[in-house]
Structures are given as C-alpha cells and as structure tokens.
Amino acid sequence: MPVPPSTATGLEPRLGTTTFVPPL
C-alpha cells in the first residue's frame, strides 16, 4: 500500500496513479 506524500521524503503523488515518484 502506497504511503501518503511527505515533504520529509521529497516525494509527491503522480497524477492519475497511486504510484509516488520524486519531483523532477
């Protein structure tokens, strides 16, 4: 199960998916 986006990890949710990817 994917974790919610966190500024601590620097990850943000990708639109239209449940997969979290690092901001480019």
Protein backbone atom coordinates (compact mmCIF):
# COMPACT_ATOMS: atom_id res chain seq x y z
CA MET A 1 0.00 0.00 0.00
CA PRO A 2 1.47 3.36 -1.06
CA VAL A 3 2.30 5.93 1.60
CA PRO A 4 0.97 9.49 1.55
CA PRO A 5 3.20 12.22 0.07
CA SER A 6 5.64 13.72 2.56
CA THR A 7 7.96 16.70 2.35
CA ALA A 8 10.38 14.74 4.52
CA THR A 9 10.89 12.17 1.77
CA GLY A 10 10.55 14.73 -1.01
CA LEU A 11 8.05 12.51 -2.81
CA GLU A 12 4.88 13.72 -4.47
CA PRO A 13 1.93 11.74 -5.89
CA ARG A 14 1.85 11.19 -9.64
CA LEU A 15 -1.42 12.36 -11.17
CA GLY A 16 -3.80 9.61 -12.24
CA THR A 17 -1.92 6.87 -10.40
CA THR A 18 -1.25 5.58 -6.90
CA THR A 19 2.48 5.45 -7.60
CA PHE A 20 4.66 8.05 -5.92
CA VAL A 21 7.57 9.47 -7.88
CA PRO A 22 10.27 12.01 -6.96
CA PRO A 23 9.64 15.53 -8.28
CA LEU A 24 11.68 16.36 -11.38
